[in-house]
Protein backbone atom coordinates (compact mmCIF):
# COMPACT_ATOMS: atom_id res chain seq x y z
CA MET A 1 100.88 32.44 133.95
CA ARG A 2 101.99 35.01 136.31
CA LYS A 3 99.31 36.03 139.27
CA GLY A 4 99.96 39.64 139.18
CA ILE A 5 100.07 41.87 135.98
CA THR A 6 102.13 44.96 135.67
CA SER A 7 102.51 46.64 132.23
CA ARG A 8 102.69 50.07 130.82
CA VAL A 9 99.10 50.63 128.65
CA VAL A 10 99.63 52.80 125.39
CA ASN A 11 97.92 55.94 125.49
CA LEU A 12 94.54 55.58 124.05
CA PRO A 13 91.93 58.28 123.58
CA PRO A 14 88.74 57.37 125.49
CA PRO A 15 85.41 55.88 123.39
CA PRO A 16 84.32 56.00 120.61
CA ARG A 17 87.57 56.21 119.24
CA ARG A 18 88.59 56.33 115.31
CA ILE A 19 90.30 53.45 114.06
CA ARG A 20 91.62 52.15 110.50
CA PRO A 21 92.33 48.69 109.59
CA THR A 22 96.46 47.95 109.72
CA TYR A 23 96.07 45.62 106.87
CA PRO A 24 93.13 47.06 104.76
CA LYS A 25 91.83 44.82 102.32
CA PRO A 26 89.01 46.28 100.47
CA ILE A 27 88.63 43.56 97.41
CA LEU A 28 88.12 40.93 100.27
CA ARG A 29 85.58 42.72 102.19
CA PHE A 30 83.70 43.60 99.03
CA ILE A 31 83.61 39.70 97.63
CA GLY A 32 82.55 38.89 100.94
CA ARG A 33 79.74 41.37 101.32
CA LEU A 34 78.64 40.17 97.67
CA LEU A 35 78.63 36.96 98.64
CA VAL A 36 76.44 37.49 101.37
CA LEU A 37 73.90 39.79 99.19
CA SER A 38 74.04 36.85 96.57
CA VAL A 39 73.46 34.42 99.06
CA PHE A 40 70.43 36.35 100.62
CA LEU A 41 68.62 37.19 97.42
CA VAL A 42 68.78 33.31 96.32
CA THR A 43 67.42 32.78 99.91
CA LEU A 44 64.82 35.26 99.11
CA PHE A 45 63.62 33.92 95.90
CA PHE A 46 63.23 30.29 97.31
CA THR A 47 61.41 31.48 100.39
CA VAL A 48 58.89 33.72 98.40
CA ALA A 49 58.35 30.68 95.82
CA LEU A 50 57.78 28.27 98.90
CA VAL A 51 55.44 30.98 100.64
CA ALA A 52 53.66 31.15 97.35
CA GLU A 53 53.19 27.55 96.60
CA LEU A 54 51.74 26.97 100.03
CA ALA A 55 49.32 29.61 99.85
CA LEU A 56 48.38 28.43 96.57
CA ARG A 57 47.81 24.90 97.87
CA PHE A 58 46.25 26.01 101.32
CA LEU A 59 44.87 29.37 100.96
CA GLY A 60 43.95 29.11 96.87
CA HIS A 61 40.78 28.28 95.10
CA GLU A 62 39.97 25.57 92.81
CA VAL A 63 38.60 26.90 89.56
CA SER A 64 37.49 25.58 86.19
CA ALA A 65 39.31 27.48 83.37
CA ALA A 66 38.67 28.22 79.56
CA VAL A 67 41.09 27.10 77.63
CA SER A 68 41.67 29.12 73.99
CA SER A 69 44.63 27.28 72.96
CA ILE A 70 46.87 24.66 73.69
CA HIS A 71 50.69 24.40 72.20
CA GLU A 72 53.18 21.80 71.99
CA ARG A 73 57.33 22.49 71.04
CA ALA A 74 60.07 20.38 70.83
CA GLY A 75 62.36 21.42 74.06
CA LYS A 76 66.41 20.55 74.32
CA LYS A 77 65.10 16.90 76.40
CA ASN A 78 61.67 16.86 75.91
CA TYR A 79 58.68 18.34 74.46
CA VAL A 80 56.97 21.66 76.00
CA ARG A 81 53.27 21.75 76.56
CA THR A 82 51.35 24.70 77.08
CA ALA A 83 47.43 26.02 77.45
CA ARG A 84 46.24 29.60 77.26
CA TYR A 85 43.06 29.86 79.81
CA THR A 86 40.95 32.27 81.12
CA TYR A 87 39.31 32.09 84.29
CA ALA A 88 37.18 34.05 86.88
CA VAL A 89 39.21 34.89 90.40
CA PRO A 90 37.24 34.32 93.14
CA GLY A 91 35.22 37.91 93.60
CA GLY A 92 37.13 39.44 91.04
CA ALA A 93 37.22 39.72 86.77
CA LEU A 94 38.39 37.49 84.27
CA ARG A 95 41.99 36.83 84.11
CA SER A 96 43.97 35.22 81.28
CA ASP A 97 47.09 33.24 81.59
CA GLU A 98 49.88 30.71 80.08
CA SER A 99 51.31 27.91 81.66
CA ARG A 100 52.83 24.13 81.15
CA ILE A 101 50.64 21.54 81.63
CA SER A 102 51.10 17.67 82.14
CA TYR A 103 50.95 15.60 79.21
CA ASP A 104 47.89 13.97 80.45
CA ALA A 105 46.18 17.46 80.66
CA PHE A 106 47.37 17.89 77.24
CA ARG A 107 46.51 14.83 75.89
CA THR A 108 42.74 15.32 77.21
CA LEU A 109 42.49 18.90 75.62
CA ARG A 110 43.73 17.66 72.08
CA GLU A 111 40.92 14.84 71.66
CA PRO A 112 38.75 17.10 69.94
CA PHE A 113 41.64 17.90 67.20
CA LEU A 114 42.46 14.03 67.01
CA ASP A 115 38.86 13.39 66.23
CA ALA A 116 38.71 16.36 63.45
CA GLY A 117 42.20 15.59 62.26
CA LYS A 118 43.46 18.69 63.00
CA VAL A 119 46.70 18.20 64.96
CA ALA A 120 49.02 20.52 65.05
CA ASP A 121 51.67 22.28 67.21
CA ASP A 122 49.12 24.93 67.74
CA MET A 123 45.63 24.42 68.39
CA ILE A 124 42.51 26.72 68.95
CA PHE A 125 39.64 26.13 70.29
CA PRO A 126 36.41 27.65 69.04
CA GLU A 127 35.52 30.45 70.95
CA SER A 128 31.89 28.77 71.73
CA GLN A 129 33.59 25.36 72.59
CA PRO A 130 36.53 26.07 74.29
CA GLY A 131 38.77 23.32 76.56
CA GLN A 132 38.27 22.83 80.42
CA LEU A 133 41.22 23.10 82.65
CA ALA A 134 41.32 22.93 86.55
CA VAL A 135 43.19 25.83 87.80
CA ARG A 136 43.96 26.73 91.34
CA VAL A 137 44.02 30.16 92.35
CA TYR A 138 44.49 32.26 95.02
CA SER A 139 44.41 36.63 95.43
CA LEU A 140 46.28 38.71 98.05
CA GLY A 141 45.00 41.98 97.29
CA PRO A 142 45.90 43.43 93.59
CA LEU A 143 48.35 40.07 93.28
CA VAL A 144 46.62 37.21 91.70
CA TYR A 145 48.10 33.70 91.07
CA SER A 146 47.18 30.66 89.22
CA ARG A 147 48.41 27.28 88.07
CA PRO A 148 46.93 24.44 86.14
CA VAL A 149 46.31 21.44 88.88
CA GLU A 150 47.96 19.22 86.58
CA HIS A 151 51.18 21.01 85.89
CA GLU A 152 53.95 19.70 84.16
CA TRP A 153 56.19 19.52 87.15
CA GLY A 154 53.50 18.64 89.92
CA GLY A 155 55.14 18.18 93.44
CA VAL A 156 58.48 19.69 92.53
CA LEU A 157 56.85 23.04 92.54
CA LEU A 158 56.84 22.37 96.33
CA LEU A 159 59.75 20.11 96.84
CA ILE A 160 62.56 22.35 95.60
CA PRO A 161 61.92 25.62 97.97
CA ALA A 162 60.72 23.53 100.39
CA LEU A 163 64.36 21.98 100.22
CA PHE A 164 66.38 25.08 99.27
CA ALA A 165 64.81 27.99 101.54
CA PRO A 166 65.63 26.42 104.53
CA ALA A 167 69.50 24.98 103.32
CA THR A 168 70.12 28.42 101.85
CA GLY A 169 68.98 30.38 104.65
CA PHE A 170 71.22 28.63 107.09
CA LEU A 171 74.07 29.33 104.70
CA PHE A 172 73.15 33.16 105.04
CA PHE A 173 72.93 33.19 108.50
CA ALA A 174 76.29 31.81 108.99
CA LEU A 175 78.08 33.84 106.14
CA TYR A 176 76.19 36.95 107.77
CA LEU A 177 77.56 35.84 111.06
CA ALA A 178 80.96 35.13 110.01
CA ILE A 179 81.36 37.99 107.44
CA ILE A 180 79.47 40.75 108.66
CA ILE A 181 79.02 40.66 112.34
CA ARG A 182 81.97 38.96 114.23
CA PRO A 183 84.24 41.53 112.29
CA ARG A 184 82.04 44.11 113.82
CA ARG A 185 81.85 43.15 116.80
CA TYR A 186 85.66 42.68 116.74
CA ARG A 187 86.09 46.18 115.41
CA ARG A 188 84.01 47.34 118.44
CA ILE A 189 86.48 45.83 120.86
CA PHE A 190 88.96 48.61 119.51
CA SER A 191 86.76 51.43 118.95
CA HIS A 192 84.87 51.24 122.42
CA GLY A 193 86.86 48.97 124.24
CA ILE A 194 88.75 49.38 127.56
CA ALA A 195 92.29 49.39 127.82
CA VAL A 196 94.03 47.60 130.54
CA PRO A 197 97.83 46.03 130.75
CA GLY A 198 98.35 42.70 129.53
CA ARG A 199 101.23 39.93 129.15
CA ILE A 200 102.19 37.78 126.60
CA PHE A 201 102.30 33.96 128.59
CA ASP A 202 102.42 31.74 125.09
CA ARG A 203 102.45 31.26 121.67
CA TYR A 204 102.02 28.85 119.19
CA GLU A 205 101.83 28.10 115.13
CA ASP A 206 99.75 25.58 113.69
CA PRO A 207 100.67 24.29 110.25
CA SER A 208 98.17 22.86 107.62
CA THR A 209 97.98 22.43 104.14
CA ASP A 210 96.50 25.91 103.28
CA GLY A 211 99.18 27.47 105.16
CA CYS A 212 99.96 28.48 109.17
CA TYR A 213 97.98 29.50 112.04
CA TYR A 214 99.63 31.77 114.41
CA ALA A 215 98.56 32.91 117.53
CA VAL A 216 99.35 34.14 120.90
CA LYS A 217 97.93 33.64 124.49
CA PHE A 218 97.96 36.37 126.73
CA ALA A 219 96.59 37.40 130.25
CA TYR A 220 94.56 40.26 131.54
CA ILE A 221 92.60 42.08 134.32
CA PRO A 222 89.30 43.36 133.63
CA GLU A 223 88.64 46.78 135.88
CA GLY A 224 86.62 45.88 138.99
CA GLU A 225 88.54 42.12 138.84
CA ALA A 226 91.13 40.30 140.93
CA GLU A 227 92.12 37.38 138.68
CA PRO A 228 93.53 37.40 135.43
CA ARG A 229 91.52 36.36 132.31
CA VAL A 230 93.35 34.40 129.39
CA GLY A 231 92.75 35.80 125.64
CA GLU A 232 93.91 34.47 122.42
CA GLN A 233 94.96 36.46 119.52
CA PRO A 234 95.85 35.49 116.02
CA LEU A 235 98.35 36.73 114.24
CA PRO A 236 98.82 37.87 110.79
CA GLY A 237 101.99 36.08 109.96
CA PRO A 238 105.56 35.12 110.56
CA LYS A 239 106.72 38.38 111.42
CA GLU A 240 104.24 39.03 114.16
CA PHE A 241 104.43 36.02 115.60
CA LYS A 242 108.45 35.90 115.88
CA ALA A 243 107.67 39.62 117.33
CA ALA A 244 105.57 38.41 119.96
CA GLU A 245 107.78 36.90 122.61
CA ILE A 246 106.98 35.61 125.84
CA ASP A 247 106.59 37.53 128.90
CA GLN A 248 106.21 40.76 126.25
CA GLU A 249 104.01 43.31 127.93
CA VAL A 250 101.01 44.26 125.72
CA THR A 251 98.05 46.87 125.73
CA VAL A 252 94.65 44.56 126.12
CA LEU A 253 91.16 46.21 125.01
CA TYR A 254 88.36 44.17 125.99
CA ASP A 255 84.23 44.48 125.72
CA PRO A 256 82.76 46.39 128.57
CA ASP A 257 79.86 44.37 128.41
CA ASN A 258 81.59 41.13 127.99
CA PRO A 259 85.11 41.16 129.33
CA LYS A 260 86.07 37.74 128.32
CA LYS A 261 85.98 39.28 124.66
CA SER A 262 89.21 41.06 124.00
CA ALA A 263 91.98 41.85 121.35
CA LEU A 264 95.85 42.82 122.08
CA TYR A 265 95.99 46.29 120.40
CA GLU A 266 99.67 45.89 119.15
CA TYR A 267 98.80 42.40 116.86
CA GLY A 268 94.78 43.12 116.55
CA GLY A 269 94.86 44.41 113.03
CA PHE A 270 93.52 48.14 113.81
CA THR A 271 95.24 51.64 114.80
CA VAL A 272 93.56 54.22 116.55
CA GLU A 273 93.58 57.38 114.86
CA GLU A 274 94.77 60.72 116.75
């Protein structure tokens, strides 16, 4: 690499500049943003579920609910057993709800109907003798949430969001960084970057099973510095790789706040609009 770099800089207007993609790909951009939004919504769902579950366990209160009826239905794999119940919110009015319950809780509630020989898919308790079911409940303003202590899914209701909320959160962060933040920062180099002369001093290609990666290395000297810096620019394809020759004079745009972040104007994928 040469110590001194002299070259002709493309006459670019001062920042901020209006730019447009050289190779616009609106469909890929739309798909990428849709993927980020989808992962965000999944992360939000599991995060809300985790917060609700933790609030129910640590901030909720256990109350005794009056069961008005129990029901048993054949599902795809197992029987689904539910209970309708009424409970009093601490400091509030009566509320009604319906939820799945475990087989043990269902069997206990079913005992009066067994003794009376009135077992059926739908069993209704007399108003004067309702069944009893332990329910955990918490309220946050108008929001009230309850669930039987002996729920059919038990600890899985905490385990699933506890596992998936961090995993999907990390995935969302990685996708947001790769699809939104980094392209935005890269685009800003072209719209707000400082243009200086540069020179290509190396190029290489990296074959792989998914195609070929083309790139060039270039040197440039930011304003106010004496020593050249080195940057690397991926190229769109073999045509640009063949055109980018060693010792070719180029225009380098760099971030004034971080001069090590740079791009080649000629091969960077953006064109300044006049």
